[in-house]
C-alpha atoms as a PDB file:
ATOM      1  CA  UNK A   1      17.193  -3.344   8.180  1.00  0.00           C
ATOM      2  CA  UNK A   2      16.123   0.626   8.791  1.00  0.00           C
ATOM      3  CA  UNK A   3      14.718   1.762  11.983  1.00  0.00           C
ATOM      4  CA  UNK A   4      11.327   1.704  13.137  1.00  0.00           C
ATOM      5  CA  UNK A   5       9.160   3.617  15.826  1.00  0.00           C
ATOM      6  CA  UNK A   6       6.474   2.038  16.732  1.00  0.00           C
ATOM      7  CA  UNK A   7       3.282   3.304  18.698  1.00  0.00           C
ATOM      8  CA  UNK A   8      -0.379   2.097  18.926  1.00  0.00           C
ATOM      9  CA  UNK A   9      -2.537   4.404  16.340  1.00  0.00           C
ATOM     10  CA  UNK A  10       0.107   4.292  13.732  1.00  0.00           C
ATOM     11  CA  UNK A  11       0.080   0.470  13.421  1.00  0.00           C
ATOM     12  CA  UNK A  12      -3.857   0.713  13.426  1.00  0.00           C
ATOM     13  CA  UNK A  13      -3.541   2.989  11.182  1.00  0.00           C
ATOM     14  CA  UNK A  14      -1.552   0.524   8.709  1.00  0.00           C
ATOM     15  CA  UNK A  15      -3.741  -2.455   9.750  1.00  0.00           C
ATOM     16  CA  UNK A  16      -6.739  -0.994   8.460  1.00  0.00           C
ATOM     17  CA  UNK A  17      -5.290   0.443   5.326  1.00  0.00           C
ATOM     18  CA  UNK A  18      -6.035  -1.639   2.440  1.00  0.00           C
ATOM     19  CA  UNK A  19      -3.177  -0.150   0.474  1.00  0.00           C
ATOM     20  CA  UNK A  20      -0.363  -1.308   3.494  1.00  0.00           C
ATOM     21  CA  UNK A  21       2.072  -4.070   2.018  1.00  0.00           C
ATOM     22  CA  UNK A  22       2.405  -7.328   3.960  1.00  0.00           C
ATOM     23  CA  UNK A  23       5.840  -6.251   5.758  1.00  0.00           C
ATOM     24  CA  UNK A  24       4.213  -3.159   7.033  1.00  0.00           C
ATOM     25  CA  UNK A  25       0.571  -5.323   7.845  1.00  0.00           C
ATOM     26  CA  UNK A  26       2.820  -8.249   9.693  1.00  0.00           C
ATOM     27  CA  UNK A  27       4.973  -5.744  11.644  1.00  0.00           C
ATOM     28  CA  UNK A  28       1.911  -3.509  12.798  1.00  0.00           C
ATOM     29  CA  UNK A  29      -0.258  -6.579  13.945  1.00  0.00           C
ATOM     30  CA  UNK A  30       3.218  -7.644  16.276  1.00  0.00           C
ATOM     31  CA  UNK A  31       3.263  -4.285  17.308  1.00  0.00           C
ATOM     32  CA  UNK A  32      -0.588  -3.687  18.169  1.00  0.00           C
ATOM     33  CA  UNK A  33      -0.152  -7.407  19.896  1.00  0.00           C
ATOM     34  CA  UNK A  34       2.826  -5.793  21.973  1.00  0.00           C
ATOM     35  CA  UNK A  35       1.504  -2.766  23.023  1.00  0.00           C
ATOM     36  CA  UNK A  36      -1.913  -4.395  24.162  1.00  0.00           C
ATOM     37  CA  UNK A  37      -0.155  -7.034  26.246  1.00  0.00           C
ATOM     38  CA  UNK A  38       1.894  -4.071  28.093  1.00  0.00           C
ATOM     39  CA  UNK A  39      -0.950  -2.617  28.826  1.00  0.00           C
ATOM     40  CA  UNK A  40      -3.484  -5.752  29.824  1.00  0.00           C
ATOM     41  CA  UNK A  41      -0.850  -8.475  30.479  1.00  0.00           C
ATOM     42  CA  UNK A  42      -1.484  -7.988  34.346  1.00  0.00           C
ATOM     43  CA  UNK A  43      -5.113  -8.267  34.349  1.00  0.00           C
ATOM     44  CA  UNK A  44      -5.776 -11.496  32.247  1.00  0.00           C
ATOM     45  CA  UNK A  45      -7.047 -14.484  33.433  1.00  0.00           C
ATOM     46  CA  UNK A  46      -5.467 -17.634  33.029  1.00  0.00           C
ATOM     47  CA  UNK A  47      -7.396 -19.105  30.208  1.00  0.00           C
ATOM     48  CA  UNK A  48      -6.928 -15.795  28.035  1.00  0.00           C
ATOM     49  CA  UNK A  49      -3.243 -16.062  28.463  1.00  0.00           C
ATOM     50  CA  UNK A  50      -3.107 -19.200  27.001  1.00  0.00           C
ATOM     51  CA  UNK A  51      -4.199 -18.111  24.277  1.00  0.00           C
ATOM     52  CA  UNK A  52      -2.694 -15.435  23.634  1.00  0.00           C
ATOM     53  CA  UNK A  53       0.589 -16.696  24.358  1.00  0.00           C
ATOM     54  CA  UNK A  54      -0.338 -19.853  21.896  1.00  0.00           C
ATOM     55  CA  UNK A  55      -1.188 -17.366  19.232  1.00  0.00           C
ATOM     56  CA  UNK A  56       2.142 -15.468  19.980  1.00  0.00           C
ATOM     57  CA  UNK A  57       3.960 -18.871  19.438  1.00  0.00           C
ATOM     58  CA  UNK A  58       1.669 -19.674  16.075  1.00  0.00           C
ATOM     59  CA  UNK A  59       2.983 -16.415  14.555  1.00  0.00           C
ATOM     60  CA  UNK A  60       6.238 -16.846  15.617  1.00  0.00           C
ATOM     61  CA  UNK A  61       6.159 -20.425  14.262  1.00  0.00           C
ATOM     62  CA  UNK A  62       4.707 -19.366  10.904  1.00  0.00           C
ATOM     63  CA  UNK A  63       6.965 -16.370  10.224  1.00  0.00           C
ATOM     64  CA  UNK A  64       9.721 -19.265  10.565  1.00  0.00           C
ATOM     65  CA  UNK A  65       8.091 -21.700   8.470  1.00  0.00           C
ATOM     66  CA  UNK A  66       7.341 -18.767   5.607  1.00  0.00           C
ATOM     67  CA  UNK A  67      11.555 -18.597   6.104  1.00  0.00           C
ATOM     68  CA  UNK A  68      12.740 -21.981   5.682  1.00  0.00           C
ATOM     69  CA  UNK A  69      10.431 -22.478   2.333  1.00  0.00           C
ATOM     70  CA  UNK A  70      12.028 -19.168   0.965  1.00  0.00           C
ATOM     71  CA  UNK A  71      15.346 -20.347   2.055  1.00  0.00           C
ATOM     72  CA  UNK A  72      14.279 -24.295   1.218  1.00  0.00           C
END
């Protein structure tokens, strides 16, 4: 895997691009999540924290499931 450099602006540009590959879109989506978490984690309500944490686990689970299916 090549080296990647992430920033919020590039990640948002990728997410808004209809030409972006699925690989780029997934990485960009997780990068945006990371940047938002770093910036706002201390200010979240308990319910928002729980929802965000569940979405993070769901995303990781879906990646694992897809990998298992591909290697089936």
